[in-house]
């Protein structure tokens, strides 16, 4: 398998709703694991992937004080960054934005239950697309070596796809989402979500 430090777009035929995923091949062979990571609402893979992969992290070894970009900590990992399809957003006067599914903001318990049906088509389509990616990667490196996750709306979409997954178990998932409290939004609050399968 060819190695690449630069993100490249998959050359396969595009689906009707999702652009090609941005795929970053492992820095060094062999390919041992795959991380599938989803961006937040209004973003895309080309904006999300480069800063994430370049984030400087300390060494995981206590005896070392060296710091390296995130991707260098996982040299045998393929990173897959799908881009959400463009959908009309209820919250933005039906403007077209990239989003994994639609929902009305501010997202509160009241708006979520009144308009929850707006989420279903996007969550269904996104889950099916992610299931195809999971099937391919599980075949390639084994289920326990595949992780699905995301940031913000991408985390929510990854969680739903993981819960609906019926294939071979995979390594797990995680991400970060904004916290919504009963009755309203929490200003500036961020919550984590880590879940596991396998």
Protein backbone atom coordinates (compact mmCIF):
# COMPACT_ATOMS: atom_id res chain seq x y z
CA UNK A 1 0.00 0.00 0.00
CA UNK A 2 1.35 3.42 -0.92
CA UNK A 3 2.20 5.84 1.86
CA UNK A 4 1.31 9.49 1.74
CA UNK A 5 1.64 12.34 4.17
CA UNK A 6 -0.61 14.56 2.07
CA UNK A 7 -4.40 14.09 2.05
CA UNK A 8 -5.78 12.92 -1.26
CA UNK A 9 -9.28 12.46 -2.51
CA UNK A 10 -10.51 8.98 -3.36
CA UNK A 11 -10.73 8.54 -7.14
CA UNK A 12 -13.80 6.30 -7.01
CA UNK A 13 -17.10 7.43 -8.48
CA UNK A 14 -18.93 9.89 -6.23
CA UNK A 15 -22.19 8.88 -4.60
CA UNK A 16 -25.29 10.91 -5.35
CA UNK A 17 -25.15 12.80 -2.04
CA UNK A 18 -21.67 12.61 -0.51
CA UNK A 19 -18.41 13.96 -1.96
CA UNK A 20 -15.47 11.58 -2.02
CA UNK A 21 -13.88 11.06 1.38
CA UNK A 22 -10.49 12.61 2.03
CA UNK A 23 -8.16 9.67 2.67
CA UNK A 24 -4.76 10.00 4.32
CA UNK A 25 -2.73 6.83 3.88
CA UNK A 26 -0.46 5.59 6.70
CA UNK A 27 2.91 7.32 7.05
CA UNK A 28 4.58 3.89 7.14
CA UNK A 29 3.45 0.46 6.00
CA UNK A 30 1.86 -1.78 6.97
CA UNK A 31 -1.62 -0.35 7.35
CA UNK A 32 -2.69 -1.59 10.80
CA UNK A 33 -5.70 0.52 11.78
CA UNK A 34 -8.21 3.02 10.40
CA UNK A 35 -9.77 6.09 12.01
CA UNK A 36 -12.94 7.42 10.36
CA UNK A 37 -13.50 10.97 11.63
CA UNK A 38 -16.46 13.25 10.89
CA UNK A 39 -16.40 17.06 10.91
CA UNK A 40 -19.02 19.32 12.46
CA UNK A 41 -22.01 21.04 10.85
CA UNK A 42 -21.06 23.58 8.18
CA UNK A 43 -17.49 22.30 7.80
CA UNK A 44 -15.90 19.77 5.42
CA UNK A 45 -13.09 17.23 5.34
CA UNK A 46 -10.60 19.59 3.66
CA UNK A 47 -10.99 22.14 6.48
CA UNK A 48 -11.17 19.60 9.32
CA UNK A 49 -8.39 17.11 8.51
CA UNK A 50 -5.19 19.17 8.07
CA UNK A 51 -5.31 21.06 11.39
CA UNK A 52 -6.29 17.90 13.27
CA UNK A 53 -3.45 15.83 11.80
CA UNK A 54 -0.96 18.65 12.42
CA UNK A 55 -1.95 19.20 16.07
CA UNK A 56 1.19 18.91 18.18
CA UNK A 57 0.90 16.38 21.00
CA UNK A 58 3.38 15.32 23.67
CA UNK A 59 4.92 11.89 23.58
CA UNK A 60 2.82 9.18 25.24
CA UNK A 61 5.98 7.91 26.93
CA UNK A 62 6.78 9.51 30.33
CA UNK A 63 10.52 9.30 29.69
CA UNK A 64 10.28 11.43 26.53
CA UNK A 65 9.68 15.17 26.34
CA UNK A 66 9.38 15.19 22.55
CA UNK A 67 6.29 16.53 20.79
CA UNK A 68 5.01 15.47 17.37
CA UNK A 69 2.01 16.06 15.11
CA UNK A 70 -0.97 13.80 15.88
CA UNK A 71 -0.52 11.78 12.67
CA UNK A 72 3.07 10.87 13.62
CA UNK A 73 1.83 9.25 16.83
CA UNK A 74 -0.13 6.78 14.66
CA UNK A 75 2.19 6.06 11.71
CA UNK A 76 0.43 2.85 10.60
CA UNK A 77 -3.04 4.43 10.62
CA UNK A 78 -5.18 5.32 7.63
CA UNK A 79 -7.37 8.35 8.33
CA UNK A 80 -10.66 8.70 6.48
CA UNK A 81 -12.44 12.06 6.57
CA UNK A 82 -15.84 11.95 4.87
CA UNK A 83 -17.59 15.21 3.96
CA UNK A 84 -21.27 15.65 4.78
CA UNK A 85 -23.67 16.22 1.95
CA UNK A 86 -25.18 19.63 1.35
CA UNK A 87 -28.66 19.93 2.82
CA UNK A 88 -31.13 22.71 3.40
CA UNK A 89 -30.95 23.83 7.02
CA UNK A 90 -34.14 24.62 8.93
CA UNK A 91 -32.16 26.90 11.24
CA UNK A 92 -30.73 29.08 8.50
CA UNK A 93 -33.81 29.94 6.46
CA UNK A 94 -33.30 26.76 4.44
CA UNK A 95 -29.84 27.82 3.26
CA UNK A 96 -27.77 24.97 1.85
CA UNK A 97 -24.90 23.92 4.15
CA UNK A 98 -22.88 20.76 4.73
CA UNK A 99 -24.51 18.78 7.52
CA UNK A 100 -24.86 15.11 8.38
CA UNK A 101 -28.51 15.65 9.26
CA UNK A 102 -30.81 18.62 9.73
CA UNK A 103 -32.11 19.95 13.01
CA UNK A 104 -33.57 23.18 14.25
CA UNK A 105 -31.43 25.48 16.43
CA UNK A 106 -31.34 26.42 19.12
CA UNK A 107 -31.54 22.71 19.89
CA UNK A 108 -33.61 22.41 23.04
CA UNK A 109 -35.86 19.64 24.31
CA UNK A 110 -38.84 21.55 22.91
CA UNK A 111 -37.43 22.08 19.39
CA UNK A 112 -35.91 18.59 19.28
CA UNK A 113 -39.24 16.88 19.93
CA UNK A 114 -41.29 19.20 17.69
CA UNK A 115 -39.04 18.81 14.68
CA UNK A 116 -37.23 15.56 15.30
CA UNK A 117 -38.50 14.14 12.00
CA UNK A 118 -36.18 16.59 10.21
CA UNK A 119 -33.21 14.56 11.53
CA UNK A 120 -34.31 11.16 10.21
CA UNK A 121 -33.51 11.37 6.46
CA UNK A 122 -29.98 12.68 7.01
CA UNK A 123 -29.23 10.28 9.86
CA UNK A 124 -30.45 7.36 7.73
CA UNK A 125 -28.38 8.37 4.67
CA UNK A 126 -25.30 9.19 6.75
CA UNK A 127 -25.51 5.88 8.64
CA UNK A 128 -25.73 3.92 5.38
CA UNK A 129 -22.71 5.77 3.96
CA UNK A 130 -20.72 5.17 7.17
CA UNK A 131 -21.73 1.50 7.21
CA UNK A 132 -20.25 1.08 3.72
CA UNK A 133 -16.98 2.66 4.92
CA UNK A 134 -16.96 0.46 8.04
CA UNK A 135 -17.57 -2.72 6.00
CA UNK A 136 -14.65 -1.91 3.70
CA UNK A 137 -12.24 -1.04 6.50
CA UNK A 138 -13.26 -3.98 8.73
CA UNK A 139 -12.49 -6.29 5.78
CA UNK A 140 -9.13 -4.59 5.28
CA UNK A 141 -7.72 -4.42 8.84
CA UNK A 142 -10.19 -6.31 11.05
CA UNK A 143 -12.98 -4.92 13.18
CA UNK A 144 -11.00 -4.27 16.34
CA UNK A 145 -8.66 -1.98 14.35
CA UNK A 146 -11.34 0.43 13.09
CA UNK A 147 -12.54 3.45 15.07
CA UNK A 148 -15.41 5.79 14.15
CA UNK A 149 -15.73 9.24 15.68
CA UNK A 150 -16.42 12.87 15.11
CA UNK A 151 -16.66 16.40 16.35
CA UNK A 152 -19.93 18.15 17.20
CA UNK A 153 -22.65 17.03 14.76
CA UNK A 154 -20.15 14.53 13.33
CA UNK A 155 -19.94 12.91 16.77
CA UNK A 156 -23.72 12.60 16.94
CA UNK A 157 -23.87 11.10 13.44
CA UNK A 158 -21.06 8.63 14.25
CA UNK A 159 -22.81 7.59 17.45
CA UNK A 160 -26.09 6.91 15.64
CA UNK A 161 -24.32 4.97 12.87
CA UNK A 162 -22.46 2.93 15.49
CA UNK A 163 -25.64 2.12 17.37
CA UNK A 164 -27.34 1.00 14.14
CA UNK A 165 -24.34 -1.07 12.95
CA UNK A 166 -25.12 -4.77 12.50
CA UNK A 167 -21.81 -5.96 11.07
CA UNK A 168 -18.71 -7.38 12.75
CA UNK A 169 -17.78 -5.46 15.88
CA UNK A 170 -15.32 -2.65 15.43
CA UNK A 171 -12.79 -1.03 17.73
CA UNK A 172 -14.99 1.74 19.11
CA UNK A 173 -15.76 5.38 18.75
CA UNK A 174 -15.72 8.74 20.38
CA UNK A 175 -15.88 12.44 19.91
CA UNK A 176 -16.95 15.75 21.39
CA UNK A 177 -20.35 17.45 21.25
CA UNK A 178 -21.94 20.58 22.67
CA UNK A 179 -23.86 19.91 25.85
CA UNK A 180 -27.59 20.62 25.77
CA UNK A 181 -29.27 20.96 29.15
CA UNK A 182 -32.94 20.28 29.79
CA UNK A 183 -34.83 23.37 28.72
CA UNK A 184 -32.03 25.12 26.87
CA UNK A 185 -28.48 25.34 25.62
CA UNK A 186 -25.46 25.52 27.87
CA UNK A 187 -23.33 28.46 26.80
CA UNK A 188 -19.77 27.45 26.06
CA UNK A 189 -20.18 23.94 27.47
CA UNK A 190 -18.52 21.01 25.79
CA UNK A 191 -19.10 17.37 26.62
CA UNK A 192 -17.28 14.29 25.57
CA UNK A 193 -18.67 11.06 24.28
CA UNK A 194 -16.69 7.85 24.26
CA UNK A 195 -18.32 4.59 23.41
CA UNK A 196 -17.02 1.15 22.64
CA UNK A 197 -17.80 -1.91 20.55
CA UNK A 198 -15.91 -4.97 19.60
